[in-house]
Every structure is written in structure tokens, then in C-alpha cells.
Amino acid sequence: MKPQLTSEPQPETAGEAAPGPFASFVRFVVCGGGIGVLASGAVALLAGAMPWVVANAVITVVSTVLCTELHALFTFGTGKRAGWRRHWQSAGSASAAYGVTSLAVFVLHLVQASPGVLTEQVVYLSASGLAGVGRFLVLRLFVFGGAGVGAGRGVPVAVAPVALRPVALRPVAASPLALAGP
């Protein structure tokens, strides 16, 4: 019979197994898309009191913090809240999304001097959707994916030891073809 206590570290899990890519994407769309639609309305409301770019920045910060928590707990199934590191990493991808949405609305205003609120919202939400796909990939692969497959998502990750052995270096005799040159 083996002893109950061992000195070998055991892989840790943070809850149940993480959802697969499709389930994560559906959850991402529900969480991120739902917050995105609410954020879109909030940007339109705030844009009446301040420049659109500032309103977009304020709402992007608030919605990113909220979405990062939802993605940690629900979308990617880590089983725990997102820490500061994940918030900062998520903020990086949100900054890129902010740039995409701002650029899209800027181009709209170049093409059409006074677009209606509905047109502006369609452009904003379309750009948000495009940026959202990129954000999903970044969050799934880098922010909540960790260094190894399943790391940080409630899936045990075991690292097998690698045996290294010395390699003897020997001079290689030059072949007649190599000496001939080009």
C-alpha cells in the first residue's frame, strides 16, 4: 500500500473542467455581446454630454472590468475572479478594440458629416463585433489560457520531466564537394 502523503506536487484544479472552444465562444458572445450592447447605448447617452471618443473611453474601461470578471468566472471557467494580471492583459486587448471602434466611427464621420444615431450605432456595433472576435482569441489563448494547455482554466496541467544528456561534438571531415565552392 502506498503512503497517503507524498512529497510530489499534485496538479491543482480550480473547479470543473473549462468549457471547449465553441462553448467558450457562445459564452463570450452572450457576456461580451450583452455588455457590448448596453455599452453602446451608454456611449450614445454619454456622447451627448462629452466628446464621443471620451465617452467611448469611459465606457470601454467600465465594461472591460466587468467583462473580465464575467469571462474569468463564466466564459473560460477558471472558477475564480480575474486578478490584476488578467485585468491588465484584458485591458490591452480592450485598448485594441477601442482603437478599432473609434477608427470605424471616425471613418464614418469622414464619409458622412452628420450620420444619424442609428447609423453610428450600426457602425459601432459592427466594429465591436469584429474586434470581439479578435479579443476572444487573445483572451482564450493568452489571458485565460496560461502557458500550457488548460493552465489557469481549471484543467490540471502536468509537466513531465525531460532527461538531458550531454552530446559529444566532433569535427566533421570536409567532403570534396564542400571544398569545391560555388
Protein backbone atom coordinates (compact mmCIF):
# COMPACT_ATOMS: atom_id res chain seq x y z
CA MET A 1 0.00 0.00 0.00
CA LYS A 2 1.31 3.48 -0.92
CA PRO A 3 1.59 6.17 1.75
CA GLN A 4 -1.12 8.85 1.65
CA LEU A 5 1.30 11.76 1.88
CA THR A 6 3.81 12.27 -0.89
CA SER A 7 6.34 14.98 -1.48
CA GLU A 8 5.48 15.22 -5.18
CA PRO A 9 3.39 18.25 -6.10
CA GLN A 10 -0.05 17.35 -7.40
CA PRO A 11 -1.70 19.32 -10.20
CA GLU A 12 -4.21 21.81 -8.90
CA THR A 13 -7.63 22.47 -10.30
CA ALA A 14 -9.81 25.48 -9.70
CA GLY A 15 -13.14 23.73 -10.21
CA GLU A 16 -14.72 21.86 -13.03
CA ALA A 17 -13.11 21.49 -16.42
CA ALA A 18 -13.07 24.52 -18.68
CA PRO A 19 -15.61 24.67 -21.49
CA GLY A 20 -14.42 23.84 -25.00
CA PRO A 21 -13.76 26.47 -27.68
CA PHE A 22 -17.31 26.53 -29.06
CA ALA A 23 -18.97 26.74 -25.63
CA SER A 24 -16.49 29.44 -24.60
CA PHE A 25 -17.25 31.43 -27.74
CA VAL A 26 -21.01 31.20 -27.14
CA ARG A 27 -20.50 32.34 -23.54
CA PHE A 28 -18.19 35.12 -24.76
CA VAL A 29 -20.83 36.35 -27.18
CA VAL A 30 -23.55 36.25 -24.51
CA CYS A 31 -21.47 38.03 -21.85
CA GLY A 32 -19.38 40.32 -24.03
CA GLY A 33 -22.14 40.92 -26.56
CA GLY A 34 -24.71 41.69 -23.88
CA ILE A 35 -22.39 44.11 -22.13
CA GLY A 36 -21.39 45.50 -25.55
CA VAL A 37 -24.98 46.32 -26.48
CA LEU A 38 -25.52 48.01 -23.10
CA ALA A 39 -22.21 49.85 -23.53
CA SER A 40 -23.25 51.02 -26.98
CA GLY A 41 -26.33 52.69 -25.53
CA ALA A 42 -24.27 54.16 -22.70
CA VAL A 43 -21.76 55.61 -25.18
CA ALA A 44 -24.61 57.22 -27.13
CA LEU A 45 -26.02 58.74 -23.93
CA LEU A 46 -22.66 60.00 -22.68
CA ALA A 47 -21.74 61.37 -26.11
CA GLY A 48 -24.45 63.99 -25.60
CA ALA A 49 -22.51 65.40 -22.64
CA MET A 50 -18.90 64.93 -23.83
CA PRO A 51 -16.94 64.15 -27.00
CA TRP A 52 -17.74 60.72 -28.44
CA VAL A 53 -14.14 59.48 -28.12
CA VAL A 54 -14.08 60.33 -24.38
CA ALA A 55 -17.48 58.68 -23.82
CA ASN A 56 -16.24 55.58 -25.66
CA ALA A 57 -13.08 55.50 -23.49
CA VAL A 58 -15.02 55.78 -20.20
CA ILE A 59 -17.50 53.07 -21.17
CA THR A 60 -14.71 50.85 -22.52
CA VAL A 61 -12.90 50.94 -19.15
CA VAL A 62 -16.04 50.15 -17.15
CA SER A 63 -17.25 47.41 -19.49
CA THR A 64 -13.77 45.85 -19.72
CA VAL A 65 -13.52 45.45 -15.93
CA LEU A 66 -16.99 43.93 -15.79
CA CYS A 67 -16.42 41.64 -18.78
CA THR A 68 -13.04 40.44 -17.50
CA GLU A 69 -14.70 39.26 -14.28
CA LEU A 70 -17.52 37.58 -16.20
CA HIS A 71 -15.08 35.92 -18.60
CA ALA A 72 -12.94 34.61 -15.73
CA LEU A 73 -15.89 33.17 -13.82
CA PHE A 74 -18.19 32.09 -16.62
CA THR A 75 -16.81 32.24 -20.15
CA PHE A 76 -13.50 30.47 -19.63
CA GLY A 77 -14.44 28.63 -16.42
CA THR A 78 -11.44 29.46 -14.23
CA GLY A 79 -13.59 29.13 -11.12
CA LYS A 80 -12.11 32.26 -9.57
CA ARG A 81 -12.09 36.00 -10.08
CA ALA A 82 -9.67 37.52 -12.56
CA GLY A 83 -6.64 39.04 -10.70
CA TRP A 84 -4.77 42.21 -11.55
CA ARG A 85 -2.58 40.47 -14.15
CA ARG A 86 -5.58 39.28 -16.13
CA HIS A 87 -7.26 42.68 -15.84
CA TRP A 88 -4.16 44.37 -17.30
CA GLN A 89 -3.87 41.79 -20.09
CA SER A 90 -7.55 42.15 -20.87
CA ALA A 91 -7.12 45.93 -20.89
CA GLY A 92 -4.50 45.53 -23.62
CA SER A 93 -6.93 43.69 -25.87
CA ALA A 94 -9.68 46.15 -24.96
CA SER A 95 -7.40 49.02 -25.99
CA ALA A 96 -7.05 47.46 -29.42
CA ALA A 97 -10.84 47.04 -29.59
CA TYR A 98 -11.26 50.69 -28.53
CA GLY A 99 -8.96 51.70 -31.39
CA VAL A 100 -10.99 49.65 -33.88
CA THR A 101 -14.34 51.11 -32.78
CA SER A 102 -13.00 54.67 -32.64
CA LEU A 103 -11.42 54.34 -36.08
CA ALA A 104 -14.64 52.93 -37.53
CA VAL A 105 -16.74 55.82 -36.19
CA PHE A 106 -14.06 58.33 -37.26
CA VAL A 107 -14.15 56.96 -40.82
CA LEU A 108 -17.96 57.11 -40.74
CA HIS A 109 -17.78 60.81 -39.84
CA LEU A 110 -15.29 61.39 -42.68
CA VAL A 111 -17.64 59.73 -45.16
CA GLN A 112 -20.86 61.20 -43.77
CA ALA A 113 -20.65 64.57 -42.00
CA SER A 114 -23.71 64.09 -39.74
CA PRO A 115 -24.67 60.42 -39.51
CA GLY A 116 -27.76 59.55 -37.55
CA VAL A 117 -27.59 57.78 -34.20
CA LEU A 118 -28.82 54.53 -35.79
CA THR A 119 -26.10 54.61 -38.47
CA GLU A 120 -23.47 55.40 -35.86
CA GLN A 121 -24.69 52.51 -33.69
CA VAL A 122 -24.62 50.07 -36.61
CA VAL A 123 -21.03 51.04 -37.43
CA TYR A 124 -20.00 50.95 -33.75
CA LEU A 125 -21.59 47.55 -33.09
CA SER A 126 -20.18 46.08 -36.32
CA ALA A 127 -16.68 47.25 -35.39
CA SER A 128 -17.23 45.93 -31.84
CA GLY A 129 -18.23 42.54 -33.21
CA LEU A 130 -15.14 42.36 -35.40
CA ALA A 131 -12.90 43.46 -32.55
CA GLY A 132 -14.70 40.99 -30.27
CA VAL A 133 -13.62 38.01 -32.36
CA GLY A 134 -10.01 39.14 -32.03
CA ARG A 135 -10.47 39.73 -28.29
CA PHE A 136 -11.93 36.25 -27.86
CA LEU A 137 -8.86 34.69 -29.43
CA VAL A 138 -6.46 36.78 -27.34
CA LEU A 139 -8.35 36.10 -24.10
CA ARG A 140 -8.76 32.37 -24.75
CA LEU A 141 -5.21 31.73 -25.94
CA PHE A 142 -3.15 34.14 -23.83
CA VAL A 143 -5.01 35.77 -20.94
CA PHE A 144 -7.07 32.84 -19.63
CA GLY A 145 -5.15 30.08 -21.41
CA GLY A 146 -1.91 30.33 -19.44
CA ALA A 147 1.41 28.92 -20.57
CA GLY A 148 0.26 25.35 -21.00
CA VAL A 149 -2.81 23.70 -22.41
CA GLY A 150 -5.55 24.17 -19.86
CA ALA A 151 -3.44 26.25 -17.48
CA GLY A 152 -5.48 28.71 -15.49
CA ARG A 153 -8.79 27.28 -16.69
CA GLY A 154 -9.43 24.66 -14.02
CA VAL A 155 -7.79 21.87 -16.01
CA PRO A 156 -4.88 20.02 -14.39
CA VAL A 157 -1.61 20.65 -16.14
CA ALA A 158 1.24 18.25 -15.55
CA VAL A 159 4.75 18.88 -16.79
CA ALA A 160 6.80 15.78 -17.45
CA PRO A 161 10.49 15.96 -16.61
CA VAL A 162 12.83 15.95 -19.57
CA ALA A 163 16.06 13.99 -19.35
CA LEU A 164 19.04 15.84 -20.77
CA ARG A 165 22.20 14.06 -21.76
CA PRO A 166 25.50 15.51 -22.93
CA VAL A 167 26.27 15.49 -26.62
CA ALA A 168 29.82 14.99 -27.84
CA LEU A 169 30.87 17.42 -30.53
CA ARG A 170 33.26 16.00 -33.11
CA PRO A 171 34.86 17.74 -36.05
CA VAL A 172 33.39 16.66 -39.36
CA ALA A 173 35.72 15.92 -42.24
CA ALA A 174 35.04 18.20 -45.17
CA SER A 175 33.76 16.48 -48.27
CA PRO A 176 35.36 17.15 -51.66
CA LEU A 177 32.10 18.77 -52.83
CA ALA A 178 32.10 21.24 -49.97
CA LEU A 179 35.69 22.27 -50.73
CA ALA A 180 34.96 22.90 -54.41
CA GLY A 181 32.94 26.04 -53.66
CA PRO A 182 30.35 27.72 -55.86
